Amino acid sequence: MYDTQSKAQAKTLVILMVPLFAALVALAYLKRRRYFVEHLIFSLHFFAFFLILTSVGLTLIELPIELTLSFFRVDTTDFDWDSIFTYVPGVIIFVYLLFAFRATYGDSVRAAIIRSAILSYSIIIVMSIYRLALFFTTIYTMSTK
C-alpha cells in the first residue's frame, strides 16, 4: 500500500526540487540582484537535464562499464555499483553546472568551479528534502483514505 501511494506522490512532488534548488542558486548569486524567476528558469533547465541523466544516463553509464569489465573477464557481482552511480553522475552534474554558470551568469572559471562544487553537493540536500516531503505526504494521503 505504501509503495503504490509513494509512487503516485513521487511523480507529483518532483516539481518541489526546482524551487528548492532555485533558492540555493539565488543564495549563491545574492550580490548579483537577479530576479528569483531567473534562478527558477535556470533550475528548470538543470532539473530537466538531471532527470534525463538519472533516467537514461545511468543506463548509458552502466553499459560501457559492464561491457569493458566483461571483456576483461572481471566478476561484476562484487563490483561497487553504488559508488559508480554516485560519483560518475556527480562529476557530470558538476561539469554541467560549471558550463551552465559560465554561460548563464557569466562567471569566471574560478567562481564557476566554486559554485558548481557547492551546488552539486547541495543536490543531496534537495533530494533529502524531497524524500522527506514524499514520506510525509504519502503517510498523510494513506491516513485520509
N, C-alpha and C. Protein backbone atom coordinates (compact mmCIF):
# COMPACT_ATOMS: atom_id res chain seq x y z
N MET A 1 0.83 -1.19 0.00
CA MET A 1 0.00 0.00 0.00
C MET A 1 0.88 1.27 0.00
N TYR A 2 1.90 1.28 0.85
CA TYR A 2 2.78 2.45 0.93
C TYR A 2 3.52 2.67 -0.38
N ASP A 3 4.05 1.59 -0.96
CA ASP A 3 4.82 1.72 -2.20
C ASP A 3 3.98 2.28 -3.34
N THR A 4 2.76 1.81 -3.46
CA THR A 4 1.86 2.28 -4.52
C THR A 4 1.55 3.75 -4.34
N GLN A 5 1.24 4.13 -3.12
CA GLN A 5 0.91 5.52 -2.83
C GLN A 5 2.14 6.42 -3.01
N SER A 6 3.30 5.91 -2.62
CA SER A 6 4.54 6.68 -2.74
C SER A 6 4.90 6.94 -4.20
N LYS A 7 4.71 5.94 -5.05
CA LYS A 7 4.99 6.13 -6.48
C LYS A 7 4.08 7.18 -7.09
N ALA A 8 2.84 7.19 -6.68
CA ALA A 8 1.89 8.19 -7.20
C ALA A 8 2.28 9.60 -6.73
N GLN A 9 2.67 9.72 -5.48
CA GLN A 9 3.06 11.01 -4.93
C GLN A 9 4.40 11.49 -5.50
N ALA A 10 5.30 10.58 -5.76
CA ALA A 10 6.65 10.94 -6.22
C ALA A 10 6.61 11.71 -7.53
N LYS A 11 5.73 11.31 -8.41
CA LYS A 11 5.64 11.97 -9.71
C LYS A 11 5.14 13.40 -9.58
N THR A 12 4.30 13.64 -8.60
CA THR A 12 3.77 14.98 -8.39
C THR A 12 4.77 15.87 -7.65
N LEU A 13 5.43 15.32 -6.66
CA LEU A 13 6.30 16.11 -5.82
C LEU A 13 7.67 16.41 -6.42
N VAL A 14 7.99 15.81 -7.54
CA VAL A 14 9.30 16.05 -8.15
C VAL A 14 9.48 17.53 -8.49
N ILE A 15 8.40 18.23 -8.72
CA ILE A 15 8.47 19.65 -9.05
C ILE A 15 8.94 20.48 -7.84
N LEU A 16 8.86 19.94 -6.63
CA LEU A 16 9.33 20.65 -5.45
C LEU A 16 10.84 20.90 -5.47
N MET A 17 11.56 20.05 -6.16
CA MET A 17 13.01 20.20 -6.18
C MET A 17 13.44 21.46 -6.92
N VAL A 18 12.67 21.90 -7.88
CA VAL A 18 13.05 23.05 -8.70
C VAL A 18 13.13 24.33 -7.88
N PRO A 19 12.09 24.73 -7.14
CA PRO A 19 12.22 25.96 -6.35
C PRO A 19 13.23 25.85 -5.22
N LEU A 20 13.42 24.65 -4.68
CA LEU A 20 14.44 24.48 -3.64
C LEU A 20 15.83 24.75 -4.21
N PHE A 21 16.12 24.19 -5.37
CA PHE A 21 17.41 24.42 -5.99
C PHE A 21 17.54 25.87 -6.45
N ALA A 22 16.46 26.46 -6.92
CA ALA A 22 16.48 27.87 -7.34
C ALA A 22 16.81 28.78 -6.16
N ALA A 23 16.30 28.44 -4.98
CA ALA A 23 16.62 29.23 -3.79
C ALA A 23 18.11 29.13 -3.46
N LEU A 24 18.69 27.95 -3.63
CA LEU A 24 20.12 27.79 -3.38
C LEU A 24 20.96 28.54 -4.42
N VAL A 25 20.51 28.53 -5.66
CA VAL A 25 21.21 29.30 -6.71
C VAL A 25 21.09 30.79 -6.41
N ALA A 26 19.92 31.23 -5.96
CA ALA A 26 19.72 32.64 -5.60
C ALA A 26 20.65 33.04 -4.46
N LEU A 27 20.86 32.15 -3.50
CA LEU A 27 21.81 32.43 -2.42
C LEU A 27 23.24 32.53 -2.95
N ALA A 28 23.57 31.70 -3.90
CA ALA A 28 24.92 31.73 -4.48
C ALA A 28 25.17 33.01 -5.26
N TYR A 29 24.12 33.60 -5.80
CA TYR A 29 24.24 34.83 -6.58
C TYR A 29 23.52 35.99 -5.88
N LEU A 30 23.62 36.05 -4.59
CA LEU A 30 22.91 37.06 -3.80
C LEU A 30 23.34 38.48 -4.16
N LYS A 31 24.61 38.68 -4.42
CA LYS A 31 25.11 40.03 -4.71
C LYS A 31 24.79 40.50 -6.12
N ARG A 32 24.35 39.61 -6.98
CA ARG A 32 24.04 39.99 -8.37
C ARG A 32 22.67 40.64 -8.51
N ARG A 33 21.83 40.50 -7.52
CA ARG A 33 20.49 41.10 -7.51
C ARG A 33 19.66 40.76 -8.75
N ARG A 34 19.52 39.46 -8.98
CA ARG A 34 18.68 38.99 -10.08
C ARG A 34 17.32 38.59 -9.53
N TYR A 35 16.34 38.55 -10.40
CA TYR A 35 15.00 38.12 -10.00
C TYR A 35 15.01 36.62 -9.71
N PHE A 36 14.15 36.21 -8.79
CA PHE A 36 14.07 34.79 -8.45
C PHE A 36 13.60 33.96 -9.63
N VAL A 37 12.79 34.55 -10.49
CA VAL A 37 12.28 33.84 -11.66
C VAL A 37 13.43 33.42 -12.58
N GLU A 38 14.47 34.24 -12.65
CA GLU A 38 15.63 33.87 -13.47
C GLU A 38 16.30 32.61 -12.93
N HIS A 39 16.42 32.54 -11.61
CA HIS A 39 17.00 31.35 -10.99
C HIS A 39 16.06 30.15 -11.13
N LEU A 40 14.78 30.41 -11.10
CA LEU A 40 13.79 29.35 -11.27
C LEU A 40 13.87 28.75 -12.67
N ILE A 41 14.02 29.58 -13.67
CA ILE A 41 14.16 29.09 -15.05
C ILE A 41 15.45 28.29 -15.20
N PHE A 42 16.53 28.79 -14.62
CA PHE A 42 17.80 28.06 -14.64
C PHE A 42 17.62 26.69 -13.99
N SER A 43 16.93 26.66 -12.86
CA SER A 43 16.71 25.40 -12.14
C SER A 43 15.83 24.44 -12.94
N LEU A 44 14.85 24.95 -13.65
CA LEU A 44 14.04 24.09 -14.51
C LEU A 44 14.89 23.42 -15.59
N HIS A 45 15.78 24.19 -16.18
CA HIS A 45 16.68 23.63 -17.19
C HIS A 45 17.60 22.59 -16.57
N PHE A 46 18.12 22.91 -15.39
CA PHE A 46 19.02 21.98 -14.73
C PHE A 46 18.30 20.67 -14.39
N PHE A 47 17.10 20.76 -13.83
CA PHE A 47 16.40 19.54 -13.44
C PHE A 47 15.89 18.75 -14.64
N ALA A 48 15.66 19.39 -15.76
CA ALA A 48 15.37 18.64 -16.98
C ALA A 48 16.58 17.78 -17.34
N PHE A 49 17.76 18.39 -17.29
CA PHE A 49 18.99 17.63 -17.53
C PHE A 49 19.18 16.55 -16.48
N PHE A 50 18.95 16.88 -15.22
CA PHE A 50 19.14 15.95 -14.12
C PHE A 50 18.23 14.72 -14.25
N LEU A 51 16.98 14.94 -14.59
CA LEU A 51 16.04 13.83 -14.73
C LEU A 51 16.37 12.95 -15.95
N ILE A 52 16.83 13.58 -17.02
CA ILE A 52 17.28 12.79 -18.17
C ILE A 52 18.50 11.98 -17.80
N LEU A 53 19.43 12.60 -17.07
CA LEU A 53 20.63 11.89 -16.64
C LEU A 53 20.29 10.70 -15.76
N THR A 54 19.40 10.88 -14.82
CA THR A 54 19.07 9.79 -13.90
C THR A 54 18.22 8.71 -14.56
N SER A 55 17.43 9.06 -15.55
CA SER A 55 16.60 8.03 -16.18
C SER A 55 17.30 7.32 -17.33
N VAL A 56 17.93 8.05 -18.21
CA VAL A 56 18.57 7.46 -19.38
C VAL A 56 20.08 7.33 -19.18
N GLY A 57 20.66 8.35 -18.60
CA GLY A 57 22.10 8.42 -18.48
C GLY A 57 22.72 7.32 -17.65
N LEU A 58 22.04 6.90 -16.60
CA LEU A 58 22.61 5.85 -15.76
C LEU A 58 22.75 4.54 -16.51
N THR A 59 21.81 4.27 -17.40
CA THR A 59 21.93 3.08 -18.23
C THR A 59 23.09 3.23 -19.20
N LEU A 60 23.26 4.42 -19.74
CA LEU A 60 24.37 4.68 -20.67
C LEU A 60 25.72 4.66 -19.96
N ILE A 61 25.73 4.92 -18.67
CA ILE A 61 26.96 4.83 -17.89
C ILE A 61 27.27 3.37 -17.58
N GLU A 62 26.25 2.62 -17.21
CA GLU A 62 26.45 1.23 -16.81
C GLU A 62 26.88 0.34 -17.97
N LEU A 63 26.30 0.54 -19.12
CA LEU A 63 26.55 -0.35 -20.26
C LEU A 63 28.02 -0.41 -20.67
N PRO A 64 28.70 0.72 -20.93
CA PRO A 64 30.12 0.60 -21.32
C PRO A 64 31.00 0.04 -20.21
N ILE A 65 30.68 0.36 -18.97
CA ILE A 65 31.47 -0.17 -17.86
C ILE A 65 31.31 -1.68 -17.77
N GLU A 66 30.07 -2.14 -17.88
CA GLU A 66 29.82 -3.58 -17.79
C GLU A 66 30.44 -4.33 -18.98
N LEU A 67 30.35 -3.75 -20.17
CA LEU A 67 30.97 -4.38 -21.34
C LEU A 67 32.49 -4.45 -21.21
N THR A 68 33.09 -3.39 -20.70
CA THR A 68 34.54 -3.38 -20.50
C THR A 68 34.96 -4.41 -19.47
N LEU A 69 34.21 -4.47 -18.38
CA LEU A 69 34.55 -5.44 -17.34
C LEU A 69 34.36 -6.88 -17.81
N SER A 70 33.32 -7.11 -18.59
CA SER A 70 33.11 -8.47 -19.09
C SER A 70 34.15 -8.83 -20.14
N PHE A 71 34.63 -7.85 -20.90
CA PHE A 71 35.69 -8.09 -21.87
C PHE A 71 36.97 -8.56 -21.18
N PHE A 72 37.26 -7.96 -20.05
CA PHE A 72 38.45 -8.35 -19.28
C PHE A 72 38.16 -9.45 -18.27
N ARG A 73 36.97 -10.01 -18.35
CA ARG A 73 36.51 -11.12 -17.50
C ARG A 73 36.61 -10.80 -16.01
N VAL A 74 36.17 -9.61 -15.67
CA VAL A 74 36.12 -9.19 -14.27
C VAL A 74 34.74 -9.54 -13.74
N ASP A 75 34.68 -10.17 -12.59
CA ASP A 75 33.41 -10.57 -11.98
C ASP A 75 32.68 -9.31 -11.49
N THR A 76 31.49 -9.07 -11.99
CA THR A 76 30.74 -7.85 -11.64
C THR A 76 29.76 -8.06 -10.49
N THR A 77 29.70 -9.25 -9.92
CA THR A 77 28.76 -9.46 -8.82
C THR A 77 29.21 -8.74 -7.55
N ASP A 78 30.52 -8.63 -7.35
CA ASP A 78 31.03 -7.94 -6.18
C ASP A 78 31.47 -6.51 -6.50
N PHE A 79 31.09 -6.02 -7.66
CA PHE A 79 31.51 -4.70 -8.10
C PHE A 79 30.72 -3.63 -7.35
N ASP A 80 31.34 -2.53 -7.01
CA ASP A 80 30.72 -1.45 -6.24
C ASP A 80 29.96 -0.50 -7.18
N TRP A 81 28.75 -0.92 -7.58
CA TRP A 81 27.95 -0.10 -8.49
C TRP A 81 27.45 1.16 -7.83
N ASP A 82 27.23 1.14 -6.52
CA ASP A 82 26.73 2.33 -5.82
C ASP A 82 27.70 3.50 -5.96
N SER A 83 28.98 3.22 -5.85
CA SER A 83 29.97 4.29 -5.99
C SER A 83 29.97 4.85 -7.40
N ILE A 84 29.87 3.98 -8.38
CA ILE A 84 29.86 4.44 -9.77
C ILE A 84 28.62 5.29 -10.04
N PHE A 85 27.46 4.82 -9.54
CA PHE A 85 26.22 5.57 -9.77
C PHE A 85 26.09 6.79 -8.89
N THR A 86 27.04 7.00 -7.99
CA THR A 86 27.07 8.22 -7.20
C THR A 86 28.08 9.20 -7.77
N TYR A 87 29.30 8.74 -7.99
CA TYR A 87 30.38 9.64 -8.38
C TYR A 87 30.35 10.05 -9.84
N VAL A 88 30.05 9.14 -10.74
CA VAL A 88 30.02 9.50 -12.16
C VAL A 88 28.93 10.53 -12.46
N PRO A 89 27.68 10.32 -12.02
CA PRO A 89 26.69 11.39 -12.23
C PRO A 89 27.05 12.67 -11.48
N GLY A 90 27.70 12.54 -10.33
CA GLY A 90 28.13 13.73 -9.59
C GLY A 90 29.11 14.56 -10.38
N VAL A 91 30.05 13.90 -11.03
CA VAL A 91 31.03 14.61 -11.87
C VAL A 91 30.33 15.21 -13.09
N ILE A 92 29.40 14.48 -13.68
CA ILE A 92 28.66 15.00 -14.84
C ILE A 92 27.85 16.24 -14.44
N ILE A 93 27.20 16.19 -13.28
CA ILE A 93 26.44 17.34 -12.79
C ILE A 93 27.36 18.53 -12.54
N PHE A 94 28.52 18.27 -11.93
CA PHE A 94 29.49 19.33 -11.67
C PHE A 94 29.91 20.01 -12.97
N VAL A 95 30.24 19.23 -13.98
CA VAL A 95 30.67 19.79 -15.27
C VAL A 95 29.53 20.55 -15.94
N TYR A 96 28.32 19.99 -15.88
CA TYR A 96 27.17 20.68 -16.46
C TYR A 96 26.97 22.04 -15.79
N LEU A 97 26.99 22.06 -14.46
CA LEU A 97 26.80 23.32 -13.75
C LEU A 97 27.94 24.30 -14.02
N LEU A 98 29.14 23.79 -14.16
CA LEU A 98 30.29 24.65 -14.46
C LEU A 98 30.06 25.42 -15.76
N PHE A 99 29.69 24.70 -16.81
CA PHE A 99 29.43 25.36 -18.09
C PHE A 99 28.16 26.20 -18.05
N ALA A 100 27.16 25.75 -17.33
CA ALA A 100 25.90 26.49 -17.25
C ALA A 100 26.08 27.82 -16.52
N PHE A 101 26.84 27.82 -15.43
CA PHE A 101 27.09 29.07 -14.70
C PHE A 101 27.91 30.04 -15.53
N ARG A 102 28.85 29.52 -16.27
CA ARG A 102 29.67 30.40 -17.13
C ARG A 102 28.81 31.00 -18.24
N ALA A 103 27.94 30.19 -18.83
CA ALA A 103 27.12 30.68 -19.94
C ALA A 103 25.97 31.57 -19.46
N THR A 104 25.31 31.17 -18.38
CA THR A 104 24.11 31.89 -17.94
C THR A 104 24.44 33.13 -17.12
N TYR A 105 25.35 32.99 -16.18
CA TYR A 105 25.63 34.08 -15.25
C TYR A 105 26.94 34.81 -15.55
N GLY A 106 27.71 34.33 -16.53
CA GLY A 106 28.95 34.99 -16.91
C GLY A 106 30.03 34.89 -15.85
N ASP A 107 30.07 33.79 -15.12
CA ASP A 107 31.07 33.60 -14.08
C ASP A 107 32.46 33.41 -14.66
N SER A 108 33.46 33.76 -13.85
CA SER A 108 34.83 33.40 -14.20
C SER A 108 34.98 31.90 -13.95
N VAL A 109 36.05 31.33 -14.43
CA VAL A 109 36.26 29.89 -14.26
C VAL A 109 36.33 29.55 -12.77
N ARG A 110 37.08 30.33 -12.01
CA ARG A 110 37.23 30.07 -10.57
C ARG A 110 35.89 30.15 -9.83
N ALA A 111 35.11 31.18 -10.10
CA ALA A 111 33.80 31.34 -9.45
C ALA A 111 32.85 30.22 -9.85
N ALA A 112 32.90 29.84 -11.12
CA ALA A 112 32.02 28.77 -11.60
C ALA A 112 32.40 27.44 -10.96
N ILE A 113 33.69 27.18 -10.78
CA ILE A 113 34.13 25.94 -10.13
C ILE A 113 33.64 25.89 -8.69
N ILE A 114 33.79 26.99 -7.98
CA ILE A 114 33.36 27.03 -6.56
C ILE A 114 31.85 26.85 -6.46
N ARG A 115 31.10 27.59 -7.25
CA ARG A 115 29.64 27.47 -7.19
C ARG A 115 29.17 26.09 -7.65
N SER A 116 29.80 25.56 -8.67
CA SER A 116 29.43 24.22 -9.16
C SER A 116 29.67 23.17 -8.10
N ALA A 117 30.78 23.27 -7.42
CA ALA A 117 31.10 22.28 -6.37
C ALA A 117 30.07 22.36 -5.24
N ILE A 118 29.78 23.56 -4.80
CA ILE A 118 28.83 23.72 -3.70
C ILE A 118 27.43 23.28 -4.11
N LEU A 119 26.98 23.71 -5.28
CA LEU A 119 25.61 23.38 -5.70
C LEU A 119 25.47 21.95 -6.18
N SER A 120 26.55 21.33 -6.64
CA SER A 120 26.50 19.90 -6.95
C SER A 120 26.26 19.10 -5.69
N TYR A 121 26.94 19.49 -4.64
CA TYR A 121 26.75 18.81 -3.36
C TYR A 121 25.37 19.11 -2.78
N SER A 122 24.84 20.29 -3.05
CA SER A 122 23.53 20.66 -2.50
C SER A 122 22.40 19.84 -3.09
N ILE A 123 22.64 19.15 -4.21
CA ILE A 123 21.62 18.27 -4.78
C ILE A 123 21.24 17.20 -3.76
N ILE A 124 22.20 16.75 -2.97
CA ILE A 124 21.92 15.75 -1.93
C ILE A 124 20.94 16.32 -0.92
N ILE A 125 21.12 17.58 -0.56
CA ILE A 125 20.21 18.23 0.39
C ILE A 125 18.81 18.37 -0.22
N VAL A 126 18.75 18.80 -1.47
CA VAL A 126 17.47 18.96 -2.16
C VAL A 126 16.76 17.61 -2.26
N MET A 127 17.49 16.56 -2.61
CA MET A 127 16.90 15.23 -2.70
C MET A 127 16.41 14.74 -1.34
N SER A 128 17.14 15.05 -0.28
CA SER A 128 16.73 14.65 1.07
C SER A 128 15.43 15.34 1.48
N ILE A 129 15.32 16.62 1.18
CA ILE A 129 14.09 17.36 1.49
C ILE A 129 12.93 16.80 0.67
N TYR A 130 13.19 16.49 -0.60
CA TYR A 130 12.17 15.89 -1.46
C TYR A 130 11.70 14.55 -0.88
N ARG A 131 12.63 13.72 -0.47
CA ARG A 131 12.26 12.41 0.08
C ARG A 131 11.49 12.55 1.41
N LEU A 132 11.87 13.54 2.20
CA LEU A 132 11.16 13.78 3.46
C LEU A 132 9.72 14.24 3.17
N ALA A 133 9.58 15.16 2.21
CA ALA A 133 8.24 15.61 1.83
C ALA A 133 7.43 14.47 1.24
N LEU A 134 8.07 13.62 0.45
CA LEU A 134 7.39 12.46 -0.13
C LEU A 134 6.91 11.52 0.97
N PHE A 135 7.75 11.28 1.96
CA PHE A 135 7.36 10.40 3.06
C PHE A 135 6.13 10.94 3.78
N PHE A 136 6.16 12.22 4.15
CA PHE A 136 5.05 12.77 4.92
C PHE A 136 3.76 12.90 4.09
N THR A 137 3.86 13.25 2.82
CA THR A 137 2.64 13.32 2.00
C THR A 137 2.07 11.94 1.75
N THR A 138 2.94 10.94 1.60
CA THR A 138 2.45 9.57 1.42
C THR A 138 1.73 9.09 2.67
N ILE A 139 2.32 9.33 3.83
CA ILE A 139 1.69 8.94 5.09
C ILE A 139 0.36 9.67 5.27
N TYR A 140 0.36 10.97 4.93
CA TYR A 140 -0.86 11.75 5.08
C TYR A 140 -1.97 11.25 4.15
N THR A 141 -1.65 10.97 2.90
CA THR A 141 -2.67 10.50 1.98
C THR A 141 -3.15 9.09 2.32
N MET A 142 -2.30 8.29 2.93
CA MET A 142 -2.72 6.96 3.35
C MET A 142 -3.69 7.04 4.54
N SER A 143 -3.45 8.01 5.41
CA SER A 143 -4.30 8.10 6.60
C SER A 143 -5.65 8.72 6.29
N THR A 144 -5.78 9.45 5.17
CA THR A 144 -7.06 10.06 4.83
C THR A 144 -7.96 9.11 4.06
N LYS A 145 -7.44 7.98 3.65
CA LYS A 145 -8.26 7.02 2.90
C LYS A 145 -8.93 6.02 3.79
